[in-house]
Amino acid sequence: MTQPMKILITGARGMLGTDLTAVFTKALGGKAVVSLGSAELDITNVAKVHSVIAEVKPTVVVNAAAYTNVDKAETESELALSLNALGPELLANACSQRGAQFIHFSTERSSMTVTSYPLLRHSSTKWLPMKPAPPVTITLCIFPLLFFSQPS
């Protein structure tokens, strides 16, 4: 028997996470979607990542969590690295161990070439999750214009 789809969305309080939560909840219903912001799940905490994935038992984890302040990433490079590279790697590994699919969102900055744009610390942290990952991982690069929410 096939397990019913259950989606865990990380970074669910940000722009992308909020939109993904709305779309998946409408498509699948509220019980099939678990949305967690950084207050509920610190994606850089190994034990917390594993315990949440074990408790929720998702079939798919969608990571919308990220360090997004490009200018501050120059001075907060360790935090940017943790959220944009190490956190997604922890999630991908935890998903692989549990047999869940992992979808990681990144931005157009992760696919820019060094010759076209200056490689700031923020951009370099976005490259790291794109290294070889467990086989159940999908990385999607998006452009900021794709958000569904309207500015206030």
Protein backbone atom coordinates (compact mmCIF):
# COMPACT_ATOMS: atom_id res chain seq x y z
CA MET A 1 0.00 0.00 0.00
CA THR A 2 1.32 3.44 -0.91
CA GLN A 3 1.88 5.90 1.90
CA PRO A 4 -0.32 9.01 1.53
CA MET A 5 1.61 12.16 0.67
CA LYS A 6 2.64 14.25 3.64
CA ILE A 7 4.68 17.39 3.09
CA LEU A 8 6.91 19.12 5.62
CA ILE A 9 7.71 22.71 4.66
CA THR A 10 10.66 24.36 6.41
CA GLY A 11 11.11 28.13 6.39
CA ALA A 12 7.32 28.33 6.30
CA ARG A 13 7.08 31.85 7.75
CA GLY A 14 9.07 33.49 4.94
CA MET A 15 7.70 34.69 1.60
CA LEU A 16 8.31 31.48 -0.32
CA GLY A 17 7.37 29.22 2.58
CA THR A 18 4.09 31.07 3.13
CA ASP A 19 3.18 30.73 -0.54
CA LEU A 20 4.18 27.06 -0.68
CA THR A 21 2.11 26.34 2.43
CA ALA A 22 -0.95 27.96 0.84
CA VAL A 23 -0.52 26.11 -2.46
CA PHE A 24 0.10 22.67 -0.92
CA THR A 25 -2.64 23.07 1.69
CA LYS A 26 -5.15 23.98 -1.01
CA ALA A 27 -4.05 21.05 -3.19
CA LEU A 28 -3.67 18.39 -0.49
CA GLY A 29 -5.67 19.55 2.52
CA GLY A 30 -4.47 20.76 5.89
CA LYS A 31 -3.62 17.37 7.42
CA ALA A 32 -1.18 16.55 4.62
CA VAL A 33 0.94 19.68 5.15
CA VAL A 34 3.10 20.53 8.16
CA SER A 35 4.60 24.01 7.96
CA LEU A 36 7.40 25.02 10.33
CA GLY A 37 9.21 28.32 10.66
CA SER A 38 12.63 28.82 12.20
CA ALA A 39 11.13 29.12 15.70
CA GLU A 40 9.73 25.58 15.37
CA LEU A 41 12.64 24.03 13.46
CA ASP A 42 16.21 25.27 13.38
CA ILE A 43 17.46 23.49 10.25
CA THR A 44 21.05 23.79 11.52
CA ASN A 45 20.32 21.71 14.62
CA VAL A 46 21.11 18.07 13.76
CA ALA A 47 19.13 16.53 16.62
CA LYS A 48 16.08 18.73 16.01
CA VAL A 49 16.08 18.02 12.26
CA HIS A 50 16.17 14.27 12.85
CA SER A 51 13.54 14.34 15.62
CA VAL A 52 11.10 16.47 13.60
CA ILE A 53 11.44 14.30 10.51
CA ALA A 54 11.01 11.16 12.64
CA GLU A 55 7.93 12.65 14.34
CA VAL A 56 6.24 14.13 11.23
CA LYS A 57 7.14 11.20 8.93
CA PRO A 58 6.91 13.26 5.73
CA THR A 59 7.05 11.70 2.29
CA VAL A 60 8.43 15.01 0.97
CA VAL A 61 10.38 17.78 2.71
CA VAL A 62 10.34 21.16 0.95
CA ASN A 63 13.05 23.49 2.20
CA ALA A 64 12.21 27.17 1.84
CA ALA A 65 14.45 28.20 4.75
CA ALA A 66 17.36 30.45 3.86
CA TYR A 67 19.50 33.36 4.90
CA THR A 68 18.31 36.04 2.50
CA ASN A 69 19.98 39.28 3.57
CA VAL A 70 22.61 39.59 0.84
CA ASP A 71 24.32 42.66 2.29
CA LYS A 72 24.55 41.31 5.84
CA ALA A 73 25.90 37.98 4.57
CA GLU A 74 29.23 39.70 4.07
CA THR A 75 29.52 40.25 7.83
CA GLU A 76 27.41 37.29 8.99
CA SER A 77 29.00 34.73 6.70
CA GLU A 78 28.92 31.88 9.23
CA LEU A 79 25.18 32.29 9.74
CA ALA A 80 24.60 32.51 5.98
CA LEU A 81 26.68 29.37 5.45
CA SER A 82 24.78 27.52 8.17
CA LEU A 83 21.35 28.38 6.79
CA ASN A 84 22.10 28.20 3.05
CA ALA A 85 24.43 25.20 2.93
CA LEU A 86 24.76 23.20 6.12
CA GLY A 87 21.05 23.24 7.00
CA PRO A 88 19.92 21.98 3.60
CA GLU A 89 22.60 19.28 3.75
CA LEU A 90 21.33 18.13 7.17
CA LEU A 91 17.77 18.04 5.84
CA ALA A 92 18.79 16.12 2.71
CA ASN A 93 20.71 13.53 4.74
CA ALA A 94 17.85 13.11 7.23
CA CYS A 95 15.41 12.66 4.34
CA SER A 96 17.68 10.11 2.73
CA GLN A 97 17.82 8.11 5.96
CA ARG A 98 14.02 8.18 6.28
CA GLY A 99 13.23 7.57 2.60
CA ALA A 100 11.63 10.98 2.09
CA GLN A 101 12.15 13.10 -0.99
CA PHE A 102 13.88 16.44 -0.45
CA ILE A 103 13.21 19.57 -2.48
CA HIS A 104 15.50 22.53 -1.89
CA PHE A 105 14.74 25.99 -3.21
CA SER A 106 17.47 28.44 -4.01
CA THR A 107 17.57 31.70 -5.94
CA GLU A 108 18.93 32.94 -9.23
CA ARG A 109 22.11 33.92 -7.36
CA SER A 110 23.08 30.28 -7.00
CA SER A 111 23.17 29.79 -10.76
CA MET A 112 25.05 32.96 -11.69
CA THR A 113 28.48 32.61 -13.14
CA VAL A 114 31.41 34.18 -11.36
CA THR A 115 32.44 36.01 -14.52
CA SER A 116 29.03 37.65 -14.87
CA TYR A 117 28.45 38.76 -11.31
CA PRO A 118 30.62 39.34 -8.26
CA LEU A 119 30.59 36.25 -6.06
CA LEU A 120 29.57 37.64 -2.70
CA ARG A 121 29.54 35.48 0.42
CA HIS A 122 25.77 35.14 0.13
CA SER A 123 26.11 33.76 -3.40
CA SER A 124 28.89 31.37 -2.44
CA THR A 125 26.77 29.90 0.38
CA LYS A 126 24.06 29.18 -2.19
CA TRP A 127 26.45 27.09 -4.32
CA LEU A 128 27.27 24.58 -1.61
CA PRO A 129 23.93 22.70 -1.44
CA MET A 130 24.27 22.05 -5.15
CA LYS A 131 27.20 19.69 -4.59
CA PRO A 132 26.34 15.99 -4.94
CA ALA A 133 23.53 15.21 -2.52
CA PRO A 134 21.56 12.09 -1.62
CA PRO A 135 19.66 10.63 -4.59
CA VAL A 136 16.25 11.81 -3.34
CA THR A 137 17.26 15.48 -3.54
CA ILE A 138 15.97 18.03 -6.04
CA THR A 139 17.36 21.58 -6.08
CA LEU A 140 15.23 24.22 -7.78
CA CYS A 141 16.58 27.66 -8.60
CA ILE A 142 13.89 30.32 -8.64
CA PHE A 143 13.71 33.97 -9.48
CA PRO A 144 12.28 36.41 -6.92
CA LEU A 145 9.52 37.50 -9.30
CA LEU A 146 7.76 34.14 -8.91
CA PHE A 147 6.29 34.85 -5.46
CA PHE A 148 2.52 34.78 -5.30
CA SER A 149 2.11 37.19 -2.37
CA GLN A 150 1.42 40.81 -3.06
CA PRO A 151 3.57 43.39 -1.26
CA SER A 152 1.84 45.20 1.60
